[in-house]
Amino acid sequence: MRGRICHMSTLAKRFAAGLRRCDVASFLNIGRIYAEMTPLEKRFDMHIDLLRRDEFREMEFVSDLHKCVAFYLYLKCVANWLAKQDCGAV
């Protein structure tokens, strides 16, 4: 489980770094996925709260972690595809 959490952390850091470096148009396009990303963030907030209260549910967390990693990998693929489209237009 620790390896999966580290993988998720790395993906999130890369996503954040990409947001800091992208141009305004790309940032606005990425903003369209906010509605899809919000439920995942709320689930992680819930897991953190459960951990603080010593009510952590490991299997539920692992399931949500898999979903979140899959979502960030999907975002990575979409970002790569968009970058190729932008480069082809120049």
C-alpha atoms as a PDB file:
ATOM      1  CA  MET A   1       0.000   0.000   0.000  1.00  0.00           C
ATOM      2  CA  ARG A   2       2.871   2.367   0.745  1.00  0.00           C
ATOM      3  CA  GLY A   3       4.141   2.041  -2.816  1.00  0.00           C
ATOM      4  CA  ARG A   4       0.718   2.944  -4.203  1.00  0.00           C
ATOM      5  CA  ILE A   5       0.515   5.983  -1.946  1.00  0.00           C
ATOM      6  CA  CYS A   6       3.973   7.109  -3.102  1.00  0.00           C
ATOM      7  CA  HIS A   7       2.925   6.611  -6.729  1.00  0.00           C
ATOM      8  CA  MET A   8      -0.189   8.713  -6.140  1.00  0.00           C
ATOM      9  CA  SER A   9       1.881  11.392  -4.434  1.00  0.00           C
ATOM     10  CA  THR A  10       4.292  11.537  -7.365  1.00  0.00           C
ATOM     11  CA  LEU A  11       1.453  11.809  -9.881  1.00  0.00           C
ATOM     12  CA  ALA A  12      -0.188  14.609  -7.894  1.00  0.00           C
ATOM     13  CA  LYS A  13       3.111  16.518  -7.631  1.00  0.00           C
ATOM     14  CA  ARG A  14       3.691  16.194 -11.382  1.00  0.00           C
ATOM     15  CA  PHE A  15       0.164  17.392 -12.075  1.00  0.00           C
ATOM     16  CA  ALA A  16       0.655  20.398  -9.776  1.00  0.00           C
ATOM     17  CA  ALA A  17       4.004  21.212 -11.409  1.00  0.00           C
ATOM     18  CA  GLY A  18       2.379  21.044 -14.832  1.00  0.00           C
ATOM     19  CA  LEU A  19      -0.344  23.432 -13.710  1.00  0.00           C
ATOM     20  CA  ARG A  20       2.247  25.910 -12.472  1.00  0.00           C
ATOM     21  CA  ARG A  21       4.052  25.914 -15.834  1.00  0.00           C
ATOM     22  CA  CYS A  22       1.178  25.811 -18.301  1.00  0.00           C
ATOM     23  CA  ASP A  23      -0.163  28.776 -20.209  1.00  0.00           C
ATOM     24  CA  VAL A  24      -3.505  30.401 -19.446  1.00  0.00           C
ATOM     25  CA  ALA A  25      -5.446  28.623 -22.200  1.00  0.00           C
ATOM     26  CA  SER A  26      -4.221  25.202 -21.069  1.00  0.00           C
ATOM     27  CA  PHE A  27      -4.998  26.069 -17.453  1.00  0.00           C
ATOM     28  CA  LEU A  28      -8.561  26.981 -18.388  1.00  0.00           C
ATOM     29  CA  ASN A  29      -8.956  23.747 -20.359  1.00  0.00           C
ATOM     30  CA  ILE A  30      -7.713  21.711 -17.415  1.00  0.00           C
ATOM     31  CA  GLY A  31     -10.183  23.575 -15.199  1.00  0.00           C
ATOM     32  CA  ARG A  32     -12.978  21.717 -16.968  1.00  0.00           C
ATOM     33  CA  ILE A  33     -12.062  18.537 -15.102  1.00  0.00           C
ATOM     34  CA  TYR A  34     -12.558  20.164 -11.703  1.00  0.00           C
ATOM     35  CA  ALA A  35     -16.017  18.621 -11.381  1.00  0.00           C
ATOM     36  CA  GLU A  36     -14.538  15.158 -11.960  1.00  0.00           C
ATOM     37  CA  MET A  37     -11.657  15.709  -9.545  1.00  0.00           C
ATOM     38  CA  THR A  38     -13.636  17.141  -6.621  1.00  0.00           C
ATOM     39  CA  PRO A  39     -15.284  13.872  -5.460  1.00  0.00           C
ATOM     40  CA  LEU A  40     -11.895  12.139  -5.366  1.00  0.00           C
ATOM     41  CA  GLU A  41     -10.416  14.917  -3.250  1.00  0.00           C
ATOM     42  CA  LYS A  42     -13.385  14.776  -0.876  1.00  0.00           C
ATOM     43  CA  ARG A  43     -12.901  11.027  -0.452  1.00  0.00           C
ATOM     44  CA  PHE A  44      -9.252  11.543   0.471  1.00  0.00           C
ATOM     45  CA  ASP A  45     -10.251  14.236   2.952  1.00  0.00           C
ATOM     46  CA  MET A  46     -12.684  11.746   4.469  1.00  0.00           C
ATOM     47  CA  HIS A  47      -9.926   9.130   4.807  1.00  0.00           C
ATOM     48  CA  ILE A  48      -7.660  11.663   6.519  1.00  0.00           C
ATOM     49  CA  ASP A  49     -10.435  12.527   8.984  1.00  0.00           C
ATOM     50  CA  LEU A  50     -11.042   8.825   9.677  1.00  0.00           C
ATOM     51  CA  LEU A  51      -7.333   8.335  10.250  1.00  0.00           C
ATOM     52  CA  ARG A  52      -7.310  11.166  12.792  1.00  0.00           C
ATOM     53  CA  ARG A  53     -10.198   9.523  14.678  1.00  0.00           C
ATOM     54  CA  ASP A  54      -8.587   6.047  14.535  1.00  0.00           C
ATOM     55  CA  GLU A  55     -11.427   4.745  12.360  1.00  0.00           C
ATOM     56  CA  PHE A  56      -9.367   4.163   9.210  1.00  0.00           C
ATOM     57  CA  ARG A  57     -10.829   1.618   6.770  1.00  0.00           C
ATOM     58  CA  GLU A  58      -7.923   0.232   4.802  1.00  0.00           C
ATOM     59  CA  MET A  59      -9.823  -1.667   2.099  1.00  0.00           C
ATOM     60  CA  GLU A  60     -12.010   1.311   1.283  1.00  0.00           C
ATOM     61  CA  PHE A  61      -8.924   3.535   1.121  1.00  0.00           C
ATOM     62  CA  VAL A  62      -7.132   1.145  -1.234  1.00  0.00           C
ATOM     63  CA  SER A  63     -10.162   1.086  -3.514  1.00  0.00           C
ATOM     64  CA  ASP A  64     -10.293   4.889  -3.622  1.00  0.00           C
ATOM     65  CA  LEU A  65      -6.536   5.035  -4.127  1.00  0.00           C
ATOM     66  CA  HIS A  66      -6.820   2.791  -7.198  1.00  0.00           C
ATOM     67  CA  LYS A  67      -9.518   5.055  -8.629  1.00  0.00           C
ATOM     68  CA  CYS A  68      -7.476   8.165  -7.991  1.00  0.00           C
ATOM     69  CA  VAL A  69      -4.291   6.745  -9.524  1.00  0.00           C
ATOM     70  CA  ALA A  70      -6.263   5.661 -12.589  1.00  0.00           C
ATOM     71  CA  PHE A  71      -7.738   9.159 -12.864  1.00  0.00           C
ATOM     72  CA  TYR A  72      -4.331  10.859 -12.668  1.00  0.00           C
ATOM     73  CA  LEU A  73      -2.900   8.449 -15.251  1.00  0.00           C
ATOM     74  CA  TYR A  74      -5.836   9.333 -17.478  1.00  0.00           C
ATOM     75  CA  LEU A  75      -5.051  13.028 -16.964  1.00  0.00           C
ATOM     76  CA  LYS A  76      -1.439  12.382 -17.880  1.00  0.00           C
ATOM     77  CA  CYS A  77      -2.514  10.728 -21.145  1.00  0.00           C
ATOM     78  CA  VAL A  78      -4.911  13.567 -21.944  1.00  0.00           C
ATOM     79  CA  ALA A  79      -2.228  16.175 -21.215  1.00  0.00           C
ATOM     80  CA  ASN A  80       0.244  14.369 -23.481  1.00  0.00           C
ATOM     81  CA  TRP A  81      -2.353  14.159 -26.233  1.00  0.00           C
ATOM     82  CA  LEU A  82      -3.168  17.852 -25.911  1.00  0.00           C
ATOM     83  CA  ALA A  83       0.527  18.751 -26.020  1.00  0.00           C
ATOM     84  CA  LYS A  84       0.938  16.784 -29.241  1.00  0.00           C
ATOM     85  CA  GLN A  85      -2.112  18.513 -30.748  1.00  0.00           C
ATOM     86  CA  ASP A  86      -0.722  21.942 -29.799  1.00  0.00           C
ATOM     87  CA  CYS A  87       2.683  21.121 -31.240  1.00  0.00           C
ATOM     88  CA  GLY A  88       1.150  19.885 -34.467  1.00  0.00           C
ATOM     89  CA  ALA A  89      -0.782  23.127 -34.906  1.00  0.00           C
ATOM     90  CA  VAL A  90       2.362  25.273 -34.759  1.00  0.00           C
END
